[in-house]
Protein backbone atom coordinates (compact mmCIF):
# COMPACT_ATOMS: atom_id res chain seq x y z
CA MET A 1 -8.99 -45.53 53.56
CA ARG A 2 -5.82 -44.84 52.56
CA GLN A 3 -5.22 -42.21 49.85
CA ARG A 4 -1.62 -42.55 47.58
CA ASN A 5 -0.75 -41.21 44.61
CA PRO A 6 -0.03 -44.58 42.16
CA PHE A 7 3.67 -44.43 41.67
CA ALA A 8 6.26 -43.52 43.79
CA VAL A 9 10.40 -43.28 43.23
CA TYR A 10 12.02 -44.03 46.85
CA ILE A 11 15.13 -44.74 48.47
CA LEU A 12 16.28 -47.35 50.66
CA ALA A 13 19.46 -47.71 52.93
CA SER A 14 21.20 -50.10 54.84
CA LYS A 15 21.67 -47.72 57.79
CA THR A 16 22.48 -44.03 57.81
CA GLY A 17 24.87 -43.15 55.40
CA GLY A 18 25.12 -46.88 54.40
CA THR A 19 24.14 -48.50 50.90
CA LEU A 20 21.35 -46.72 48.86
CA TYR A 21 18.94 -48.18 46.48
CA VAL A 22 17.05 -46.25 44.28
CA GLY A 23 13.63 -47.65 42.34
CA MET A 24 10.42 -46.91 41.37
CA THR A 25 7.05 -48.29 42.18
CA ASN A 26 3.29 -48.35 41.73
CA ASP A 27 2.77 -49.47 45.13
CA LEU A 28 5.15 -48.14 47.47
CA LEU A 29 4.22 -50.12 50.89
CA ARG A 30 4.04 -53.36 48.85
CA ARG A 31 7.13 -52.78 47.24
CA THR A 32 9.03 -52.15 50.66
CA TRP A 33 7.53 -54.76 52.62
CA GLU A 34 9.00 -57.12 49.49
CA HIS A 35 12.79 -55.42 50.30
CA ARG A 36 12.13 -55.53 53.95
CA ASN A 37 11.03 -59.51 53.65
CA GLY A 38 13.64 -60.69 51.04
CA LEU A 39 11.62 -60.65 48.25
CA GLY A 40 12.81 -57.20 46.48
CA SER A 41 15.63 -57.01 44.26
CA SER A 42 19.13 -59.38 44.98
CA PHE A 43 21.01 -56.24 45.47
CA THR A 44 18.73 -54.99 48.41
CA LYS A 45 18.34 -58.35 49.88
CA ALA A 46 22.50 -59.19 49.60
CA TYR A 47 23.24 -55.63 51.21
CA THR A 48 20.15 -55.80 53.85
CA VAL A 49 19.11 -52.23 52.06
CA ASN A 50 15.58 -52.38 53.60
CA ARG A 51 15.11 -48.92 55.31
CA LEU A 52 13.03 -46.29 53.49
CA VAL A 53 14.44 -43.07 53.71
CA TYR A 54 13.25 -41.16 51.27
CA PHE A 55 10.08 -41.29 48.68
CA GLU A 56 8.40 -38.92 46.01
CA LEU A 57 4.30 -39.59 44.45
CA PHE A 58 3.96 -39.10 41.17
CA GLU A 59 0.77 -39.27 39.24
CA ARG A 60 2.09 -40.36 35.66
CA PRO A 61 4.60 -43.38 35.54
CA GLU A 62 6.45 -41.27 32.75
CA GLU A 63 7.39 -39.06 35.16
CA ALA A 64 8.48 -41.07 37.93
CA TYR A 65 10.60 -43.14 35.78
CA GLN A 66 12.21 -39.94 34.78
CA ARG A 67 12.80 -38.79 38.14
CA GLU A 68 14.50 -42.36 38.89
CA ARG A 69 16.36 -42.27 36.06
CA ASN A 70 17.74 -38.65 36.81
CA ILE A 71 18.46 -39.83 40.45
CA LYS A 72 20.20 -43.07 39.48
CA ARG A 73 22.71 -40.92 37.84
CA TRP A 74 23.26 -38.44 40.33
CA LYS A 75 26.51 -38.90 42.64
CA ARG A 76 26.07 -40.16 46.16
CA ALA A 77 27.13 -36.98 47.94
CA TRP A 78 23.90 -35.41 46.11
CA LYS A 79 21.37 -38.17 47.20
CA ILE A 80 22.54 -38.23 50.45
CA ARG A 81 21.92 -34.28 50.91
CA MET A 82 18.76 -35.08 49.71
CA ILE A 83 17.88 -37.55 51.84
CA GLU A 84 19.01 -35.58 54.66
CA GLU A 85 17.03 -32.38 53.73
CA ALA A 86 13.86 -34.49 53.59
CA ASN A 87 14.95 -37.07 56.42
CA PRO A 88 17.83 -35.80 58.64
CA ASP A 89 17.92 -38.32 60.95
CA TRP A 90 17.71 -41.20 58.25
CA ILE A 91 14.40 -42.45 60.40
CA ASP A 92 12.72 -45.52 58.38
CA LEU A 93 9.59 -44.14 57.06
CA PHE A 94 7.92 -47.84 56.25
CA PRO A 95 6.25 -47.85 59.86
CA GLY A 96 4.41 -44.48 59.39
CA LEU A 97 3.40 -45.58 55.49
CA ALA A 98 2.10 -48.85 56.45
CA ALA A 99 0.05 -47.00 59.52
CA THR A 100 -1.66 -45.22 57.29
């Protein structure tokens, strides 16, 4: 059985160093699947932003919401630095998430 926290802040990318999308969800696996299959936001569909490159888990929705808001206000360079510290090769994390 898969163990997960209920709320996630995540970053999707179109490619390494490409277009970024920051979102929040209570089901990271489902929401990432939606983005990958064109059912996410119109932005991610239009720009093919569907590679999960970063995520953080939270117990409370208020914490996740605040973190999402903060990251969205950041400069692009800060977001890229955060991704590269955790995932230097910009590996798509979805396959590993789906396998758990």
